[in-house]
Amino acid sequence: MSTPSPAPSRGLGRLWGKKNRDRHAEAAPEVSYNDDQKPEPEHLSVTSNDPETKDSSARKRREAPPLVRDLAPEERARLEHALVKKIDLRLLPMLILMYLMNYLDRNNIAAARLAGLEDELELTGTQYLTAVSILFVGYILMQVPSNLFLNKIGKPAIYLSSCMVVWGVISAATAAANSFGGLIAIRFFLGFVEAAYFPGCLFFLSSWYTRKELGFRTAILYSGSLLSGAFSGLITAGITGGLNNARGLRAWRWLFIIEGAITIAIAFVAVLILPNFPRTTTWLTENERQLAVWRLDEDIGEDDWLGSEQQTFFHGMKLAFSDIKMWVLMVLLFCFVASGTVTNLFPTIVQTLGYSNIISLLLTVPPYVLGVITTFCNAWHADKTGERYFHITLPLYFAVIAFIIAAATTKTAPRYLSMMLMIPGVYTGYVVALAWISNTLPRPPAKRAAALAAINAVSNSSSIYASYMYPESAGPRYIVAMSVNCVTAFIAICAATVLRFILVHLNKKLDRGEVVEGAVAVGEAIPGEAAKKGFRFVL
């Protein structure tokens, strides 16, 4: 674990020195309060067990911490920029690596099929497809409880790393499977443990970054899954060519052993590197911690994660499930993931082009690489412009075109073109849609955690049935699967349109000064953008 810094860094200490504090203190106007307006001291905790009382108490903290309040605007901007870069370097590389292994361990069964798994275990009929699907049963069951538990304890560094060790062990144990029943049991428990990671990471990122920063960081995180698709093909091709029958084990068994061992090793490093939440991390100096917490407060107008006593399981679920926006987002994300289930069996689909197993595995790499590039560019532009709707829907039109081409022809060139468009078409907008959840349901954190987990759980339920749409007998066109993917992509466009109309309507109500649940009115908020003009939903 990282150790706390006992004092500010040299640069920060200089900026927050006595001379700087005295200069700004002289210019600061004296603020008077009535007894009922006086802000609570920053160190006081809220002791009431009533969530509404806690929300009210949190909003009374109208003054910035002294170390932040005494900064000149240009100093504040420079220090915040340095802080975000420091957070990026500490947080993102490890989260990407962890998610790469999370996705690799989940989907390497698709590559293992070409490395001999189906033949050696003598899987027949739909048994292989059941083994693919069963993971998502456990994955769905655990997501909401896991995210609410993470929000409660406030220690993501320990929790996520511990889960990673367990799923690495289970993934490696797949190499010991000798029957269909054993494979099914392993896959179910793998999904059960892996469920903690992705929704936990989305919640984790939303607890460190402001709304305008979140889209690009979500894209960076999700690049781990896209890169895993590329690496999976390369790794499996290498293992199939070099380790098949080594020490009496088929290549697919070595695939699970090697990737599971790498996962466990990374998890032990992650627990030493990852921070916790801004309030609970010991990795920032006190000055940096106050700035990290305050800038998030300013972005929304309310305090975020105060302590575990404020984070109640059932209150967060109640708030999330009573908000119509969550249900529209759930439809949107479900249709995104349903369209993207083509990646669950992507090597099998590419193999229908007629090339050898190793060449087919190598041909899976370019679509994922293109997906990473388009995802980064789209998410960066979405954050830069502060726009979400068109950055979500425009890529989906390319996905619709790709699925139509795939179902309409058996010619090699246009079919590989469709494969090149499928992954970018779905996932380029998907990562922006993930950020839209936290943008639309920002506070309180218990609600955000419940919504992120519930949406992710329901959206992944499509993976339970989707695998059965890709039997080998349906190749090479997979007309039913491609038609369903095309329809769900179109429904996702419709859901995004409905949500945009809802948010426009709510923003107009806020413009008129009307109360909107989840938004902070002008004058009630912590000083910042939300206090100047009131909270507005990102469109």
Protein backbone atom coordinates (compact mmCIF):
# COMPACT_ATOMS: atom_id res chain seq x y z
CA MET A 1 0.00 0.00 0.00
CA SER A 2 1.21 3.55 -0.63
CA THR A 3 2.12 5.59 2.42
CA PRO A 4 0.74 9.03 3.31
CA SER A 5 2.83 12.08 2.59
CA PRO A 6 3.41 13.95 5.88
CA ALA A 7 3.80 17.35 4.23
CA PRO A 8 2.98 19.14 0.99
CA SER A 9 5.42 18.89 -1.86
CA ARG A 10 8.04 21.60 -2.21
CA GLY A 11 6.19 23.35 -5.06
CA LEU A 12 2.79 23.21 -3.38
CA GLY A 13 4.26 24.30 -0.05
CA ARG A 14 5.71 27.37 -1.66
CA LEU A 15 2.37 28.30 -3.27
CA TRP A 16 0.43 27.75 -0.10
CA GLY A 17 3.03 29.55 2.01
CA LYS A 18 2.38 32.31 4.48
CA LYS A 19 3.02 35.13 2.04
CA ASN A 20 0.46 33.77 -0.43
CA ARG A 21 -2.17 33.22 2.27
CA ASP A 22 -1.71 36.70 3.71
CA ARG A 23 -1.98 38.36 0.31
CA HIS A 24 -5.30 36.72 -0.55
CA ALA A 25 -6.65 37.02 2.96
CA GLU A 26 -6.36 40.80 2.75
CA ALA A 27 -8.35 40.86 -0.49
CA ALA A 28 -11.04 38.44 0.63
CA PRO A 29 -14.27 40.10 1.78
CA GLU A 30 -15.60 39.26 5.19
CA VAL A 31 -18.69 37.05 4.99
CA SER A 32 -21.33 37.23 7.70
CA TYR A 33 -23.82 34.48 8.42
CA ASN A 34 -27.01 34.11 10.32
CA ASP A 35 -26.94 31.34 12.90
CA ASP A 36 -28.80 28.98 10.58
CA GLN A 37 -26.49 29.80 7.65
CA LYS A 38 -23.12 29.33 9.30
CA PRO A 39 -21.27 26.54 7.49
CA GLU A 40 -20.26 23.47 9.39
CA PRO A 41 -16.54 23.06 10.09
CA GLU A 42 -14.94 20.86 7.45
CA HIS A 43 -13.83 18.28 9.99
CA LEU A 44 -17.29 17.67 11.45
CA SER A 45 -19.04 14.47 10.32
CA VAL A 46 -22.73 14.03 9.72
CA THR A 47 -24.20 11.80 12.38
CA SER A 48 -27.81 11.62 11.29
CA ASN A 49 -28.93 8.33 9.76
CA ASP A 50 -31.52 10.01 7.56
CA PRO A 51 -30.26 10.37 3.97
CA GLU A 52 -32.17 13.57 3.37
CA THR A 53 -30.65 15.13 6.48
CA LYS A 54 -27.21 14.12 5.30
CA ASP A 55 -27.79 15.67 1.86
CA SER A 56 -28.97 18.87 3.52
CA SER A 57 -25.97 18.94 5.86
CA ALA A 58 -23.60 18.38 2.96
CA ARG A 59 -25.02 21.35 1.07
CA LYS A 60 -24.29 23.66 4.00
CA ARG A 61 -20.55 23.35 3.31
CA ARG A 62 -20.44 26.46 1.14
CA GLU A 63 -16.89 27.60 1.86
CA ALA A 64 -13.86 26.15 0.13
CA PRO A 65 -11.13 24.70 2.36
CA PRO A 66 -8.62 27.41 3.36
CA LEU A 67 -5.79 25.88 1.33
CA VAL A 68 -7.96 26.08 -1.80
CA ARG A 69 -9.71 29.37 -1.03
CA ASP A 70 -6.41 31.22 -0.66
CA LEU A 71 -5.22 30.40 -4.17
CA ALA A 72 -5.23 32.95 -6.96
CA PRO A 73 -7.28 31.78 -10.00
CA GLU A 74 -4.23 31.26 -12.21
CA GLU A 75 -2.48 29.32 -9.44
CA ARG A 76 -5.58 27.21 -8.89
CA ALA A 77 -5.82 26.38 -12.60
CA ARG A 78 -2.15 25.40 -12.80
CA LEU A 79 -2.27 23.26 -9.68
CA GLU A 80 -5.47 21.55 -10.78
CA HIS A 81 -3.95 20.74 -14.16
CA ALA A 82 -0.90 19.23 -12.43
CA LEU A 83 -3.17 17.30 -10.06
CA VAL A 84 -5.23 15.78 -12.89
CA LYS A 85 -2.05 14.68 -14.67
CA LYS A 86 -0.83 13.11 -11.43
CA ILE A 87 -4.15 11.29 -10.98
CA ASP A 88 -4.05 10.11 -14.61
CA LEU A 89 -0.57 8.65 -14.24
CA ARG A 90 -1.42 6.92 -10.99
CA LEU A 91 -4.87 5.63 -11.92
CA LEU A 92 -5.24 4.96 -15.63
CA PRO A 93 -2.29 2.73 -16.64
CA MET A 94 -3.07 0.17 -13.94
CA LEU A 95 -6.84 0.27 -14.54
CA ILE A 96 -6.28 -0.30 -18.26
CA LEU A 97 -3.96 -3.23 -17.60
CA MET A 98 -6.40 -4.74 -15.10
CA TYR A 99 -9.32 -4.36 -17.51
CA LEU A 100 -7.28 -5.84 -20.34
CA MET A 101 -6.79 -8.97 -18.23
CA ASN A 102 -10.41 -8.91 -17.06
CA TYR A 103 -11.67 -8.99 -20.64
CA LEU A 104 -8.97 -11.39 -21.79
CA ASP A 105 -9.77 -13.94 -19.08
CA ARG A 106 -13.48 -13.63 -19.85
CA ASN A 107 -13.30 -13.97 -23.64
CA ASN A 108 -10.23 -16.14 -24.23
CA ILE A 109 -12.58 -19.11 -24.56
CA ALA A 110 -13.37 -17.80 -28.07
CA ALA A 111 -9.71 -18.04 -29.06
CA ALA A 112 -9.33 -21.34 -27.14
CA ARG A 113 -11.93 -22.85 -29.47
CA LEU A 114 -9.50 -22.49 -32.36
CA ALA A 115 -6.71 -23.89 -30.16
CA GLY A 116 -8.45 -27.24 -29.57
CA LEU A 117 -10.74 -26.79 -26.55
CA GLU A 118 -13.93 -27.93 -28.27
CA ASP A 119 -12.29 -31.04 -29.75
CA GLU A 120 -10.45 -32.20 -26.63
CA LEU A 121 -13.45 -31.80 -24.30
CA GLU A 122 -15.67 -33.41 -26.95
CA LEU A 123 -18.26 -30.64 -26.79
CA THR A 124 -21.28 -31.28 -28.97
CA GLY A 125 -24.27 -29.31 -30.20
CA THR A 126 -24.66 -26.07 -28.28
CA GLN A 127 -22.42 -27.06 -25.34
CA TYR A 128 -19.64 -24.70 -26.36
CA LEU A 129 -22.12 -21.83 -26.77
CA THR A 130 -23.54 -22.62 -23.30
CA ALA A 131 -20.02 -22.42 -21.85
CA VAL A 132 -19.66 -18.96 -23.39
CA SER A 133 -23.04 -17.78 -22.11
CA ILE A 134 -22.99 -19.17 -18.56
CA LEU A 135 -20.31 -16.71 -17.49
CA PHE A 136 -22.74 -13.84 -17.87
CA VAL A 137 -25.24 -15.38 -15.46
CA GLY A 138 -22.78 -15.05 -12.59
CA TYR A 139 -21.59 -11.73 -14.01
CA ILE A 140 -25.08 -10.23 -13.85
CA LEU A 141 -25.97 -11.55 -10.39
CA MET A 142 -23.01 -9.93 -8.64
CA GLN A 143 -22.73 -6.46 -10.16
CA VAL A 144 -25.19 -4.42 -8.07
CA PRO A 145 -24.21 -5.93 -4.68
CA SER A 146 -20.54 -5.55 -5.55
CA ASN A 147 -20.77 -1.87 -6.50
CA LEU A 148 -22.83 -0.97 -3.44
CA PHE A 149 -20.33 -2.81 -1.24
CA LEU A 150 -17.45 -0.95 -2.89
CA ASN A 151 -19.19 2.37 -2.30
CA LYS A 152 -19.78 1.39 1.33
CA ILE A 153 -16.20 0.43 2.24
CA GLY A 154 -14.48 3.14 0.16
CA LYS A 155 -11.35 1.02 -0.49
CA PRO A 156 -11.28 0.22 -4.22
CA ALA A 157 -7.53 -0.44 -4.25
CA ILE A 158 -7.92 -3.40 -1.92
CA TYR A 159 -11.29 -4.60 -3.16
CA LEU A 160 -10.64 -4.58 -6.91
CA SER A 161 -7.16 -6.08 -6.54
CA SER A 162 -8.47 -8.88 -4.29
CA CYS A 163 -11.18 -9.73 -6.80
CA MET A 164 -8.54 -9.82 -9.52
CA VAL A 165 -6.46 -12.40 -7.64
CA VAL A 166 -9.51 -14.64 -7.27
CA TRP A 167 -10.59 -14.44 -10.91
CA GLY A 168 -6.99 -15.05 -12.02
CA VAL A 169 -6.94 -18.29 -10.02
CA ILE A 170 -10.30 -19.37 -11.45
CA SER A 171 -9.23 -18.51 -15.00
CA ALA A 172 -6.04 -20.55 -14.67
CA ALA A 173 -8.10 -23.43 -13.28
CA THR A 174 -9.93 -23.63 -16.62
CA ALA A 175 -6.86 -25.51 -17.87
CA ALA A 176 -7.81 -28.37 -15.55
CA ALA A 177 -11.29 -28.81 -17.03
CA ASN A 178 -11.82 -32.30 -18.47
CA SER A 179 -15.56 -32.27 -19.10
CA PHE A 180 -18.43 -30.04 -20.09
CA GLY A 181 -19.68 -29.92 -16.48
CA GLY A 182 -16.32 -28.82 -15.13
CA LEU A 183 -16.01 -26.12 -17.77
CA ILE A 184 -19.51 -24.81 -16.99
CA ALA A 185 -18.80 -24.61 -13.23
CA ILE A 186 -15.54 -22.74 -13.76
CA ARG A 187 -17.07 -20.28 -16.21
CA PHE A 188 -19.99 -19.49 -13.88
CA PHE A 189 -17.76 -18.64 -10.92
CA LEU A 190 -15.38 -16.70 -13.15
CA GLY A 191 -18.25 -14.41 -14.16
CA PHE A 192 -19.38 -14.14 -10.54
CA VAL A 193 -16.00 -12.71 -9.45
CA GLU A 194 -15.20 -10.70 -12.59
CA ALA A 195 -18.49 -8.81 -12.11
CA ALA A 196 -16.84 -6.60 -9.50
CA TYR A 197 -14.39 -4.97 -11.87
CA PHE A 198 -15.95 -3.01 -14.74
CA PRO A 199 -18.91 -1.34 -12.95
CA GLY A 200 -16.57 -0.77 -10.00
CA CYS A 201 -14.11 1.00 -12.29
CA LEU A 202 -16.81 3.20 -13.81
CA PHE A 203 -17.87 4.27 -10.33
CA PHE A 204 -14.20 4.65 -9.33
CA LEU A 205 -13.48 7.02 -12.24
CA SER A 206 -16.60 9.09 -11.56
CA SER A 207 -15.30 9.62 -8.01
CA TRP A 208 -12.04 11.17 -9.25
CA TYR A 209 -12.92 13.11 -12.42
CA THR A 210 -15.32 15.93 -13.24
CA ARG A 211 -18.05 15.46 -15.83
CA LYS A 212 -16.07 17.18 -18.58
CA GLU A 213 -13.09 14.86 -17.93
CA LEU A 214 -14.98 11.60 -17.61
CA GLY A 215 -15.74 10.67 -21.23
CA PHE A 216 -12.13 10.48 -22.37
CA ARG A 217 -11.03 8.63 -19.22
CA THR A 218 -13.81 6.10 -19.71
CA ALA A 219 -12.57 5.59 -23.27
CA ILE A 220 -9.04 5.09 -21.99
CA LEU A 221 -10.32 2.48 -19.54
CA TYR A 222 -12.37 0.69 -22.17
CA SER A 223 -9.39 0.60 -24.49
CA GLY A 224 -8.25 -2.25 -22.23
CA SER A 225 -11.06 -4.45 -23.54
CA LEU A 226 -10.42 -3.49 -27.16
CA LEU A 227 -6.71 -4.12 -26.78
CA SER A 228 -7.46 -7.48 -25.20
CA GLY A 229 -9.28 -8.47 -28.38
CA ALA A 230 -6.17 -7.65 -30.37
CA PHE A 231 -3.76 -9.30 -27.91
CA SER A 232 -5.94 -12.39 -27.58
CA GLY A 233 -5.51 -13.20 -31.24
CA LEU A 234 -1.75 -12.56 -31.14
CA ILE A 235 -1.19 -14.52 -27.90
CA THR A 236 -3.29 -17.47 -29.01
CA ALA A 237 -1.56 -17.56 -32.39
CA GLY A 238 1.83 -17.64 -30.63
CA ILE A 239 0.81 -20.31 -28.11
CA THR A 240 -0.83 -22.46 -30.79
CA GLY A 241 2.30 -22.28 -32.91
CA GLY A 242 4.83 -22.81 -30.09
CA LEU A 243 3.32 -24.61 -27.10
CA ASN A 244 0.81 -27.06 -28.53
CA ASN A 245 1.40 -30.45 -26.83
CA ALA A 246 4.27 -29.02 -24.75
CA ARG A 247 4.59 -31.18 -21.59
CA GLY A 248 1.62 -33.13 -22.82
CA LEU A 249 -0.82 -30.19 -22.74
CA ARG A 250 -2.80 -28.84 -25.68
CA ALA A 251 -2.36 -25.18 -26.63
CA TRP A 252 -5.72 -24.07 -25.15
CA ARG A 253 -4.68 -25.29 -21.68
CA TRP A 254 -1.44 -23.31 -21.86
CA LEU A 255 -3.50 -20.28 -22.90
CA PHE A 256 -5.50 -20.32 -19.65
CA ILE A 257 -2.47 -21.13 -17.45
CA ILE A 258 -0.32 -18.32 -18.84
CA GLU A 259 -3.03 -15.65 -18.87
CA GLY A 260 -4.30 -16.62 -15.38
CA ALA A 261 -0.77 -16.40 -13.93
CA ILE A 262 -0.24 -12.96 -15.49
CA THR A 263 -3.54 -11.78 -13.99
CA ILE A 264 -2.52 -12.84 -10.47
CA ALA A 265 0.88 -11.12 -10.76
CA ILE A 266 -0.70 -7.85 -11.94
CA ALA A 267 -3.21 -7.93 -9.07
CA PHE A 268 -0.44 -7.97 -6.44
CA VAL A 269 1.15 -4.93 -8.09
CA ALA A 270 -2.20 -3.12 -8.39
CA VAL A 271 -2.88 -3.16 -4.66
CA LEU A 272 0.33 -1.15 -4.14
CA ILE A 273 -0.38 1.41 -6.88
CA LEU A 274 -4.11 2.14 -7.00
CA PRO A 275 -5.46 4.95 -4.80
CA ASN A 276 -8.77 4.82 -3.00
CA PHE A 277 -11.35 7.62 -3.13
CA PRO A 278 -10.08 11.21 -2.85
CA ARG A 279 -11.16 11.45 0.79
CA THR A 280 -9.73 8.10 1.85
CA THR A 281 -6.53 7.84 -0.20
CA THR A 282 -3.19 8.18 1.56
CA TRP A 283 -1.30 8.84 -1.64
CA LEU A 284 -2.03 12.59 -2.04
CA THR A 285 -0.72 15.34 0.19
CA GLU A 286 -3.31 17.12 2.34
CA ASN A 287 -3.28 20.11 -0.02
CA GLU A 288 -3.80 17.90 -3.07
CA ARG A 289 -6.52 15.92 -1.32
CA GLN A 290 -8.49 19.06 -0.49
CA LEU A 291 -8.22 20.29 -4.07
CA ALA A 292 -9.18 16.86 -5.47
CA VAL A 293 -12.32 16.75 -3.32
CA TRP A 294 -13.28 20.40 -3.82
CA ARG A 295 -13.10 20.43 -7.61
CA LEU A 296 -15.59 17.54 -7.74
CA ASP A 297 -17.85 19.36 -5.28
CA GLU A 298 -17.79 22.46 -7.50
CA ASP A 299 -18.62 20.46 -10.62
CA ILE A 300 -21.94 19.22 -9.24
CA GLY A 301 -22.63 21.62 -6.39
CA GLU A 302 -22.73 18.94 -3.70
CA ASP A 303 -20.26 16.95 -1.68
CA ASP A 304 -19.69 13.44 -2.98
CA TRP A 305 -18.22 10.68 -0.81
CA LEU A 306 -18.14 11.87 2.83
CA GLY A 307 -17.73 8.55 4.60
CA SER A 308 -19.05 5.02 4.75
CA GLU A 309 -21.81 5.97 7.20
CA GLN A 310 -23.45 8.06 4.46
CA GLN A 311 -23.49 5.23 1.92
CA THR A 312 -26.63 3.13 2.43
CA PHE A 313 -27.35 0.18 0.15
CA PHE A 314 -31.11 0.38 -0.13
CA HIS A 315 -31.38 4.17 -0.29
CA GLY A 316 -29.04 4.22 -3.30
CA MET A 317 -31.03 1.50 -5.04
CA LYS A 318 -34.33 3.24 -4.31
CA LEU A 319 -33.11 6.53 -5.78
CA ALA A 320 -31.72 4.83 -8.89
CA PHE A 321 -34.75 2.65 -9.65
CA SER A 322 -37.21 5.52 -9.18
CA ASP A 323 -35.47 7.70 -11.81
CA ILE A 324 -36.84 7.34 -15.36
CA LYS A 325 -33.49 8.41 -16.77
CA MET A 326 -31.87 5.24 -15.43
CA TRP A 327 -34.38 3.06 -17.31
CA VAL A 328 -33.80 4.89 -20.60
CA LEU A 329 -30.05 4.55 -20.09
CA MET A 330 -30.57 0.86 -19.36
CA VAL A 331 -32.30 0.37 -22.73
CA LEU A 332 -29.55 2.35 -24.46
CA LEU A 333 -26.71 0.34 -22.93
CA PHE A 334 -28.52 -2.98 -23.33
CA CYS A 335 -28.87 -2.38 -27.08
CA PHE A 336 -25.24 -1.28 -27.33
CA VAL A 337 -23.99 -4.45 -25.67
CA ALA A 338 -26.44 -6.63 -27.61
CA SER A 339 -25.00 -5.24 -30.85
CA GLY A 340 -21.48 -5.74 -29.53
CA THR A 341 -21.96 -9.41 -28.60
CA VAL A 342 -20.45 -10.16 -32.00
CA THR A 343 -17.09 -9.83 -30.20
CA ASN A 344 -17.88 -12.84 -27.97
CA LEU A 345 -17.29 -15.12 -30.95
CA PHE A 346 -15.32 -12.81 -33.21
CA PRO A 347 -12.54 -15.33 -34.05
CA THR A 348 -15.20 -17.83 -35.19
CA ILE A 349 -16.79 -15.19 -37.43
CA VAL A 350 -13.44 -14.18 -38.93
CA GLN A 351 -12.63 -17.86 -39.53
CA THR A 352 -15.56 -18.03 -41.98
CA LEU A 353 -13.40 -16.02 -44.41
CA GLY A 354 -11.73 -19.36 -45.15
CA TYR A 355 -8.18 -18.85 -43.87
CA SER A 356 -6.18 -21.09 -41.51
CA ASN A 357 -6.65 -20.88 -37.74
CA ILE A 358 -3.48 -18.85 -37.15
CA ILE A 359 -4.21 -16.44 -40.02
CA SER A 360 -7.79 -16.05 -38.76
CA LEU A 361 -6.51 -15.18 -35.28
CA LEU A 362 -4.17 -12.56 -36.75
CA LEU A 363 -7.00 -11.08 -38.84
CA THR A 364 -8.94 -10.35 -35.61
CA VAL A 365 -6.31 -7.76 -34.62
CA PRO A 366 -6.91 -4.84 -37.10
CA PRO A 367 -10.60 -4.28 -36.23
CA TYR A 368 -9.73 -3.90 -32.54
CA VAL A 369 -6.82 -1.55 -33.28
CA LEU A 370 -9.11 0.62 -35.41
CA GLY A 371 -11.66 0.52 -32.59
CA VAL A 372 -9.11 1.87 -30.11
CA ILE A 373 -8.21 4.77 -32.41
CA THR A 374 -11.80 5.80 -33.18
CA THR A 375 -12.83 5.40 -29.53
CA PHE A 376 -10.07 7.72 -28.31
CA CYS A 377 -10.75 10.36 -30.94
CA ASN A 378 -14.51 10.33 -30.39
CA ALA A 379 -14.31 10.43 -26.59
CA TRP A 380 -11.69 13.20 -26.62
CA HIS A 381 -13.89 15.32 -28.88
CA ALA A 382 -16.97 14.57 -26.75
CA ASP A 383 -15.20 15.90 -23.66
CA LYS A 384 -13.75 18.86 -25.52
CA THR A 385 -17.16 19.96 -26.85
CA GLY A 386 -19.22 18.83 -23.84
CA GLU A 387 -21.61 17.02 -26.20
CA ARG A 388 -22.79 13.43 -25.80
CA TYR A 389 -25.77 12.59 -28.06
CA PHE A 390 -24.17 12.87 -31.52
CA HIS A 391 -20.94 11.27 -30.31
CA ILE A 392 -23.04 8.28 -29.24
CA THR A 393 -25.41 7.95 -32.21
CA LEU A 394 -23.28 8.76 -35.27
CA PRO A 395 -20.94 5.73 -34.86
CA LEU A 396 -24.00 3.48 -34.53
CA TYR A 397 -25.01 4.28 -38.11
CA PHE A 398 -21.72 2.72 -39.24
CA ALA A 399 -22.51 -0.35 -37.12
CA VAL A 400 -25.90 -0.69 -38.82
CA ILE A 401 -24.22 -0.53 -42.23
CA ALA A 402 -21.62 -3.12 -41.16
CA PHE A 403 -24.23 -5.63 -39.99
CA ILE A 404 -26.23 -5.22 -43.21
CA ILE A 405 -23.14 -5.90 -45.34
CA ALA A 406 -22.19 -8.96 -43.27
CA ALA A 407 -25.65 -10.49 -43.70
CA ALA A 408 -26.00 -9.60 -47.37
CA THR A 409 -22.85 -11.02 -49.00
CA THR A 410 -20.42 -13.93 -48.91
CA LYS A 411 -17.61 -12.15 -50.78
CA THR A 412 -14.40 -11.91 -48.79
CA ALA A 413 -13.48 -8.23 -49.25
CA PRO A 414 -16.84 -6.64 -48.30
CA ARG A 415 -17.30 -9.10 -45.42
CA TYR A 416 -13.92 -8.22 -43.91
CA LEU A 417 -14.76 -4.55 -44.44
CA SER A 418 -17.92 -5.14 -42.40
CA MET A 419 -15.84 -6.80 -39.68
CA MET A 420 -13.53 -3.80 -39.65
CA LEU A 421 -16.56 -1.53 -39.09
CA MET A 422 -18.45 -3.64 -36.54
CA ILE A 423 -16.20 -3.10 -33.53
CA PRO A 424 -15.51 0.64 -34.09
CA GLY A 425 -19.18 1.19 -34.98
CA VAL A 426 -20.41 -0.19 -31.66
CA TYR A 427 -17.68 0.67 -29.16
CA THR A 428 -16.79 4.17 -30.38
CA GLY A 429 -20.11 5.47 -29.08
CA TYR A 430 -20.42 2.94 -26.25
CA VAL A 431 -17.72 4.48 -24.08
CA VAL A 432 -19.33 7.92 -24.38
CA ALA A 433 -22.66 6.35 -23.37
CA LEU A 434 -20.98 4.88 -20.28
CA ALA A 435 -19.80 8.35 -19.28
CA TRP A 436 -23.31 9.69 -19.93
CA ILE A 437 -24.59 7.55 -17.06
CA SER A 438 -22.45 9.36 -14.48
CA ASN A 439 -23.14 12.70 -16.21
CA THR A 440 -26.89 12.11 -15.97
CA LEU A 441 -27.06 10.48 -12.52
CA PRO A 442 -24.18 12.18 -10.72
CA ARG A 443 -25.26 12.37 -7.07
CA PRO A 444 -25.53 11.00 -4.47
CA PRO A 445 -22.74 8.44 -4.94
CA ALA A 446 -24.84 5.54 -3.62
CA LYS A 447 -27.38 6.22 -6.39
CA ARG A 448 -24.63 6.50 -9.00
CA ALA A 449 -23.05 3.23 -7.85
CA ALA A 450 -26.40 1.38 -7.94
CA ALA A 451 -27.31 2.79 -11.36
CA LEU A 452 -23.94 1.98 -12.94
CA ALA A 453 -24.06 -1.60 -11.66
CA ALA A 454 -27.71 -2.20 -12.54
CA ILE A 455 -27.32 -0.80 -16.07
CA ASN A 456 -24.15 -2.79 -16.67
CA ALA A 457 -25.75 -5.97 -15.30
CA VAL A 458 -28.89 -5.74 -17.43
CA SER A 459 -26.95 -4.72 -20.54
CA ASN A 460 -24.73 -7.79 -20.24
CA SER A 461 -27.76 -10.08 -20.01
CA SER A 462 -27.81 -9.96 -23.81
CA SER A 463 -24.64 -12.05 -23.80
CA ILE A 464 -26.57 -14.97 -22.27
CA TYR A 465 -28.71 -15.51 -25.37
CA ALA A 466 -26.47 -13.93 -28.01
CA SER A 467 -24.01 -16.79 -28.24
CA TYR A 468 -26.76 -19.12 -29.45
CA MET A 469 -27.23 -16.91 -32.52
CA TYR A 470 -23.78 -17.93 -33.81
CA PRO A 471 -23.86 -21.71 -34.40
CA GLU A 472 -21.33 -22.82 -36.99
CA SER A 473 -24.22 -23.95 -39.18
CA ALA A 474 -25.37 -20.30 -39.50
CA GLY A 475 -22.09 -19.19 -41.05
CA PRO A 476 -20.75 -17.48 -42.97
CA ARG A 477 -23.48 -14.83 -43.12
CA TYR A 478 -25.10 -15.37 -39.68
CA ILE A 479 -28.26 -13.71 -41.00
CA VAL A 480 -30.27 -13.95 -37.76
CA ALA A 481 -27.44 -12.63 -35.58
CA MET A 482 -26.56 -9.76 -37.90
CA SER A 483 -30.22 -8.80 -38.28
CA VAL A 484 -30.72 -8.71 -34.50
CA ASN A 485 -27.54 -6.67 -34.07
CA CYS A 486 -28.75 -4.22 -36.70
CA VAL A 487 -32.11 -3.78 -34.96
CA THR A 488 -30.60 -3.31 -31.50
CA ALA A 489 -28.18 -0.70 -32.85
CA PHE A 490 -31.14 1.23 -34.27
CA ILE A 491 -33.05 0.94 -30.96
CA ALA A 492 -29.97 2.34 -29.18
CA ILE A 493 -30.16 5.40 -31.45
CA CYS A 494 -33.85 5.80 -30.53
CA ALA A 495 -33.14 5.45 -26.78
CA ALA A 496 -30.40 8.08 -26.96
CA THR A 497 -32.83 10.41 -28.74
CA VAL A 498 -35.49 9.91 -26.05
CA LEU A 499 -32.95 10.60 -23.30
CA ARG A 500 -31.80 13.78 -25.00
CA PHE A 501 -35.40 15.06 -25.16
CA ILE A 502 -35.81 14.28 -21.44
CA LEU A 503 -32.61 16.12 -20.51
CA VAL A 504 -33.48 19.13 -22.67
CA HIS A 505 -36.86 19.32 -20.91
CA LEU A 506 -35.22 19.09 -17.46
CA ASN A 507 -32.67 21.77 -18.34
CA LYS A 508 -35.51 24.09 -19.42
CA LYS A 509 -37.17 23.51 -16.04
CA LEU A 510 -33.90 24.40 -14.33
CA ASP A 511 -33.67 27.54 -16.47
CA ARG A 512 -37.07 28.55 -15.10
CA GLY A 513 -35.89 27.95 -11.55
CA GLU A 514 -38.02 24.86 -10.99
CA VAL A 515 -36.83 22.03 -8.74
CA VAL A 516 -35.48 18.93 -10.48
CA GLU A 517 -34.51 15.83 -8.53
CA GLY A 518 -30.76 15.25 -8.60
CA ALA A 519 -29.94 18.83 -9.62
CA VAL A 520 -28.72 21.63 -7.39
CA ALA A 521 -30.40 25.01 -7.68
CA VAL A 522 -28.58 28.34 -7.96
CA GLY A 523 -27.60 29.60 -4.50
CA GLU A 524 -27.77 26.18 -2.86
CA ALA A 525 -24.61 24.79 -4.37
CA ILE A 526 -21.01 24.79 -3.31
CA PRO A 527 -19.27 27.73 -5.04
CA GLY A 528 -18.27 26.90 -8.59
CA GLU A 529 -20.01 26.40 -11.92
CA ALA A 530 -23.00 24.75 -10.30
CA ALA A 531 -23.43 27.70 -7.95
CA LYS A 532 -23.06 30.36 -10.65
CA LYS A 533 -25.68 29.12 -13.06
CA GLY A 534 -27.11 26.00 -11.45
CA PHE A 535 -26.56 22.39 -12.41
CA ARG A 536 -27.31 21.45 -16.03
CA PHE A 537 -27.49 17.98 -17.54
CA VAL A 538 -24.97 17.19 -20.27
CA LEU A 539 -26.72 16.66 -23.64
